[in-house]
Amino acid sequence: MKKIVLSLAGLLLAGVPVLAHHAFGGEFDPNKPVLLKGPVTKVEWVNPHAWIHIEVTDPDGSKKEWMVEGGTPNTLLRRGITRESLKPGTVLVIDGYQARDHSLLRANGRNVTYPDGRKLFLGSSGTGAPTDGADPTEAPKPGQRGRGGQRN
């Protein structure tokens, strides 16, 4: 009897959708690249994706707060991105892709460039993410420069 109850509970839990995670293409527009520059205002170091909030100044002088999605905190740490390197006030340049809902000031970050010129991969990869050469784990396309600047 105990095995039957546990089996039924397992089947019920297996049918519950995972709401917190998504494929890149479900939320972000691979045809809408963005380049954002501004100081960090807040960092949400949470799973399944860390969020960096930066204040971007538009050409008309108005300031807008963008939310930029990164990889998991563990993945970012392995890439060299730490809480210490994302302190409020640090001016970053982030390139990525805007949310499909263009009314949202939200993006998936691909690369982050620090004031000292360091450039690190910030974005998530996998289903639907563009193969744009930013992800160091993706194989370069023929003729593209791969890791270490070598041509394929």
C-alpha atoms as a PDB file:
ATOM      1  CA  MET A   1       0.000   0.000   0.000  1.00  0.00           C
ATOM      2  CA  LYS A   2       2.811   2.380   0.920  1.00  0.00           C
ATOM      3  CA  LYS A   3       4.424   1.794  -2.521  1.00  0.00           C
ATOM      4  CA  ILE A   4       1.157   2.621  -4.282  1.00  0.00           C
ATOM      5  CA  VAL A   5       0.735   5.893  -2.345  1.00  0.00           C
ATOM      6  CA  LEU A   6       4.337   6.905  -3.037  1.00  0.00           C
ATOM      7  CA  SER A   7       3.957   5.998  -6.716  1.00  0.00           C
ATOM      8  CA  LEU A   8       0.790   8.078  -7.018  1.00  0.00           C
ATOM      9  CA  ALA A   9       2.445  11.017  -5.245  1.00  0.00           C
ATOM     10  CA  GLY A  10       5.392  10.767  -7.637  1.00  0.00           C
ATOM     11  CA  LEU A  11       3.084  10.774 -10.656  1.00  0.00           C
ATOM     12  CA  LEU A  12       1.219  13.822  -9.363  1.00  0.00           C
ATOM     13  CA  LEU A  13       4.429  15.759  -8.720  1.00  0.00           C
ATOM     14  CA  ALA A  14       5.801  14.807 -12.134  1.00  0.00           C
ATOM     15  CA  GLY A  15       2.757  16.447 -13.720  1.00  0.00           C
ATOM     16  CA  VAL A  16       3.319  19.798 -11.961  1.00  0.00           C
ATOM     17  CA  PRO A  17       4.899  22.259 -14.412  1.00  0.00           C
ATOM     18  CA  VAL A  18       8.065  24.108 -13.514  1.00  0.00           C
ATOM     19  CA  LEU A  19       6.888  27.716 -13.644  1.00  0.00           C
ATOM     20  CA  ALA A  20      10.086  29.519 -12.696  1.00  0.00           C
ATOM     21  CA  HIS A  21      12.219  28.462 -15.636  1.00  0.00           C
ATOM     22  CA  HIS A  22      11.815  29.110 -19.358  1.00  0.00           C
ATOM     23  CA  ALA A  23      13.529  28.680 -22.691  1.00  0.00           C
ATOM     24  CA  PHE A  24      15.295  31.779 -24.046  1.00  0.00           C
ATOM     25  CA  GLY A  25      12.930  32.077 -27.006  1.00  0.00           C
ATOM     26  CA  GLY A  26       9.861  31.990 -24.786  1.00  0.00           C
ATOM     27  CA  GLU A  27      10.717  35.290 -23.125  1.00  0.00           C
ATOM     28  CA  PHE A  28      13.406  37.083 -25.144  1.00  0.00           C
ATOM     29  CA  ASP A  29      13.533  38.302 -28.747  1.00  0.00           C
ATOM     30  CA  PRO A  30      16.647  37.110 -30.636  1.00  0.00           C
ATOM     31  CA  ASN A  31      15.896  39.778 -33.286  1.00  0.00           C
ATOM     32  CA  LYS A  32      15.987  42.671 -30.797  1.00  0.00           C
ATOM     33  CA  PRO A  33      19.588  43.132 -29.585  1.00  0.00           C
ATOM     34  CA  VAL A  34      20.199  45.843 -26.978  1.00  0.00           C
ATOM     35  CA  LEU A  35      23.315  47.599 -25.682  1.00  0.00           C
ATOM     36  CA  LEU A  36      22.856  48.993 -22.187  1.00  0.00           C
ATOM     37  CA  LYS A  37      25.268  51.154 -20.196  1.00  0.00           C
ATOM     38  CA  GLY A  38      24.816  52.381 -16.674  1.00  0.00           C
ATOM     39  CA  PRO A  39      25.507  51.908 -12.993  1.00  0.00           C
ATOM     40  CA  VAL A  40      24.298  48.853 -11.102  1.00  0.00           C
ATOM     41  CA  THR A  41      21.412  49.785  -8.791  1.00  0.00           C
ATOM     42  CA  LYS A  42      20.553  46.354  -7.407  1.00  0.00           C
ATOM     43  CA  VAL A  43      21.412  42.677  -7.863  1.00  0.00           C
ATOM     44  CA  GLU A  44      19.081  39.754  -7.223  1.00  0.00           C
ATOM     45  CA  TRP A  45      21.401  36.793  -6.684  1.00  0.00           C
ATOM     46  CA  VAL A  46      18.645  34.152  -6.921  1.00  0.00           C
ATOM     47  CA  ASN A  47      17.927  30.896  -8.750  1.00  0.00           C
ATOM     48  CA  PRO A  48      17.183  30.029 -11.469  1.00  0.00           C
ATOM     49  CA  HIS A  49      18.623  33.307 -12.881  1.00  0.00           C
ATOM     50  CA  ALA A  50      20.422  36.229 -11.295  1.00  0.00           C
ATOM     51  CA  TRP A  51      19.020  39.678 -12.172  1.00  0.00           C
ATOM     52  CA  ILE A  52      21.117  42.823 -12.486  1.00  0.00           C
ATOM     53  CA  HIS A  53      19.304  46.153 -12.353  1.00  0.00           C
ATOM     54  CA  ILE A  54      21.061  49.034 -14.100  1.00  0.00           C
ATOM     55  CA  GLU A  55      20.100  52.658 -14.618  1.00  0.00           C
ATOM     56  CA  VAL A  56      20.320  53.573 -18.296  1.00  0.00           C
ATOM     57  CA  THR A  57      20.281  57.193 -19.448  1.00  0.00           C
ATOM     58  CA  ASP A  58      18.355  57.712 -22.690  1.00  0.00           C
ATOM     59  CA  PRO A  59      19.529  60.238 -25.325  1.00  0.00           C
ATOM     60  CA  ASP A  60      16.922  62.724 -24.023  1.00  0.00           C
ATOM     61  CA  GLY A  61      18.501  62.552 -20.534  1.00  0.00           C
ATOM     62  CA  SER A  62      15.726  60.527 -18.918  1.00  0.00           C
ATOM     63  CA  LYS A  63      16.796  57.615 -16.752  1.00  0.00           C
ATOM     64  CA  LYS A  64      15.235  54.167 -16.910  1.00  0.00           C
ATOM     65  CA  GLU A  65      15.890  51.087 -14.841  1.00  0.00           C
ATOM     66  CA  TRP A  66      16.486  47.898 -16.833  1.00  0.00           C
ATOM     67  CA  MET A  67      16.420  44.370 -15.435  1.00  0.00           C
ATOM     68  CA  VAL A  68      19.016  42.107 -17.036  1.00  0.00           C
ATOM     69  CA  GLU A  69      18.779  38.342 -16.653  1.00  0.00           C
ATOM     70  CA  GLY A  70      21.982  36.376 -16.267  1.00  0.00           C
ATOM     71  CA  GLY A  71      22.771  32.726 -15.739  1.00  0.00           C
ATOM     72  CA  THR A  72      22.419  30.956 -12.410  1.00  0.00           C
ATOM     73  CA  PRO A  73      24.439  32.400  -9.528  1.00  0.00           C
ATOM     74  CA  ASN A  74      26.650  29.280  -9.540  1.00  0.00           C
ATOM     75  CA  THR A  75      27.323  29.604 -13.279  1.00  0.00           C
ATOM     76  CA  LEU A  76      28.137  33.307 -12.925  1.00  0.00           C
ATOM     77  CA  LEU A  77      30.577  32.576 -10.089  1.00  0.00           C
ATOM     78  CA  ARG A  78      32.373  30.018 -12.281  1.00  0.00           C
ATOM     79  CA  ARG A  79      32.655  32.659 -15.026  1.00  0.00           C
ATOM     80  CA  GLY A  80      34.218  35.163 -12.619  1.00  0.00           C
ATOM     81  CA  ILE A  81      31.145  37.297 -11.890  1.00  0.00           C
ATOM     82  CA  THR A  82      30.707  37.747  -8.133  1.00  0.00           C
ATOM     83  CA  ARG A  83      28.634  39.808  -5.717  1.00  0.00           C
ATOM     84  CA  GLU A  84      31.768  41.871  -5.159  1.00  0.00           C
ATOM     85  CA  SER A  85      32.081  42.656  -8.883  1.00  0.00           C
ATOM     86  CA  LEU A  86      28.424  43.737  -9.125  1.00  0.00           C
ATOM     87  CA  LYS A  87      28.343  46.348  -6.377  1.00  0.00           C
ATOM     88  CA  PRO A  88      25.805  49.174  -6.734  1.00  0.00           C
ATOM     89  CA  GLY A  89      27.362  52.092  -8.576  1.00  0.00           C
ATOM     90  CA  THR A  90      29.634  49.949 -10.787  1.00  0.00           C
ATOM     91  CA  VAL A  91      29.136  51.148 -14.366  1.00  0.00           C
ATOM     92  CA  LEU A  92      28.626  48.228 -16.734  1.00  0.00           C
ATOM     93  CA  VAL A  93      28.086  47.818 -20.449  1.00  0.00           C
ATOM     94  CA  ILE A  94      25.782  44.894 -21.148  1.00  0.00           C
ATOM     95  CA  ASP A  95      24.801  43.576 -24.533  1.00  0.00           C
ATOM     96  CA  GLY A  96      21.931  41.183 -24.871  1.00  0.00           C
ATOM     97  CA  TYR A  97      18.414  40.724 -26.176  1.00  0.00           C
ATOM     98  CA  GLN A  98      15.236  42.531 -25.149  1.00  0.00           C
ATOM     99  CA  ALA A  99      12.157  40.786 -23.811  1.00  0.00           C
ATOM    100  CA  ARG A 100       9.579  39.776 -26.420  1.00  0.00           C
ATOM    101  CA  ASP A 101       7.199  42.203 -24.712  1.00  0.00           C
ATOM    102  CA  HIS A 102       8.999  45.379 -25.842  1.00  0.00           C
ATOM    103  CA  SER A 103       7.089  47.458 -23.295  1.00  0.00           C
ATOM    104  CA  LEU A 104       9.176  45.811 -20.556  1.00  0.00           C
ATOM    105  CA  LEU A 105      12.617  47.177 -19.754  1.00  0.00           C
ATOM    106  CA  ARG A 106      13.986  43.665 -19.440  1.00  0.00           C
ATOM    107  CA  ALA A 107      16.743  41.838 -21.292  1.00  0.00           C
ATOM    108  CA  ASN A 108      18.733  38.640 -21.330  1.00  0.00           C
ATOM    109  CA  GLY A 109      22.359  39.692 -20.934  1.00  0.00           C
ATOM    110  CA  ARG A 110      24.978  38.025 -23.123  1.00  0.00           C
ATOM    111  CA  ASN A 111      28.197  39.880 -22.254  1.00  0.00           C
ATOM    112  CA  VAL A 112      29.066  42.254 -19.453  1.00  0.00           C
ATOM    113  CA  THR A 113      31.995  44.654 -19.811  1.00  0.00           C
ATOM    114  CA  TYR A 114      33.502  46.170 -16.662  1.00  0.00           C
ATOM    115  CA  PRO A 115      35.143  49.611 -16.408  1.00  0.00           C
ATOM    116  CA  ASP A 116      38.609  47.981 -16.542  1.00  0.00           C
ATOM    117  CA  GLY A 117      37.751  46.394 -19.926  1.00  0.00           C
ATOM    118  CA  ARG A 118      37.142  42.839 -18.689  1.00  0.00           C
ATOM    119  CA  LYS A 119      34.416  41.182 -20.743  1.00  0.00           C
ATOM    120  CA  LEU A 120      32.624  38.140 -19.325  1.00  0.00           C
ATOM    121  CA  PHE A 121      29.794  35.973 -20.614  1.00  0.00           C
ATOM    122  CA  LEU A 122      26.687  36.694 -18.559  1.00  0.00           C
ATOM    123  CA  GLY A 123      23.890  35.081 -20.481  1.00  0.00           C
ATOM    124  CA  SER A 124      22.134  31.842 -20.430  1.00  0.00           C
ATOM    125  CA  SER A 125      22.450  29.371 -23.227  1.00  0.00           C
ATOM    126  CA  GLY A 126      20.404  26.463 -24.424  1.00  0.00           C
ATOM    127  CA  THR A 127      17.014  26.207 -26.075  1.00  0.00           C
ATOM    128  CA  GLY A 128      16.344  29.239 -28.231  1.00  0.00           C
ATOM    129  CA  ALA A 129      19.410  31.291 -27.197  1.00  0.00           C
ATOM    130  CA  PRO A 130      21.169  32.866 -30.185  1.00  0.00           C
ATOM    131  CA  THR A 131      24.394  31.245 -31.335  1.00  0.00           C
ATOM    132  CA  ASP A 132      26.185  34.561 -31.653  1.00  0.00           C
ATOM    133  CA  GLY A 133      29.656  33.506 -30.505  1.00  0.00           C
ATOM    134  CA  ALA A 134      29.222  35.039 -27.038  1.00  0.00           C
ATOM    135  CA  ASP A 135      28.793  31.723 -25.213  1.00  0.00           C
ATOM    136  CA  PRO A 136      32.261  30.216 -24.655  1.00  0.00           C
ATOM    137  CA  THR A 137      30.734  26.718 -24.545  1.00  0.00           C
ATOM    138  CA  GLU A 138      29.198  26.881 -28.021  1.00  0.00           C
ATOM    139  CA  ALA A 139      31.148  25.670 -31.007  1.00  0.00           C
ATOM    140  CA  PRO A 140      31.968  28.486 -33.449  1.00  0.00           C
ATOM    141  CA  LYS A 141      30.351  28.440 -36.865  1.00  0.00           C
ATOM    142  CA  PRO A 142      32.674  27.791 -39.819  1.00  0.00           C
ATOM    143  CA  GLY A 143      34.736  30.924 -40.489  1.00  0.00           C
ATOM    144  CA  GLN A 144      33.990  32.440 -37.049  1.00  0.00           C
ATOM    145  CA  ARG A 145      36.644  32.978 -34.440  1.00  0.00           C
ATOM    146  CA  GLY A 146      36.293  30.502 -31.616  1.00  0.00           C
ATOM    147  CA  ARG A 147      37.750  30.400 -28.160  1.00  0.00           C
ATOM    148  CA  GLY A 148      41.260  31.831 -28.150  1.00  0.00           C
ATOM    149  CA  GLY A 149      40.653  33.720 -31.416  1.00  0.00           C
ATOM    150  CA  GLN A 150      41.318  30.696 -33.604  1.00  0.00           C
ATOM    151  CA  ARG A 151      39.401  30.367 -36.866  1.00  0.00           C
ATOM    152  CA  ASN A 152      37.435  27.213 -37.486  1.00  0.00           C
END
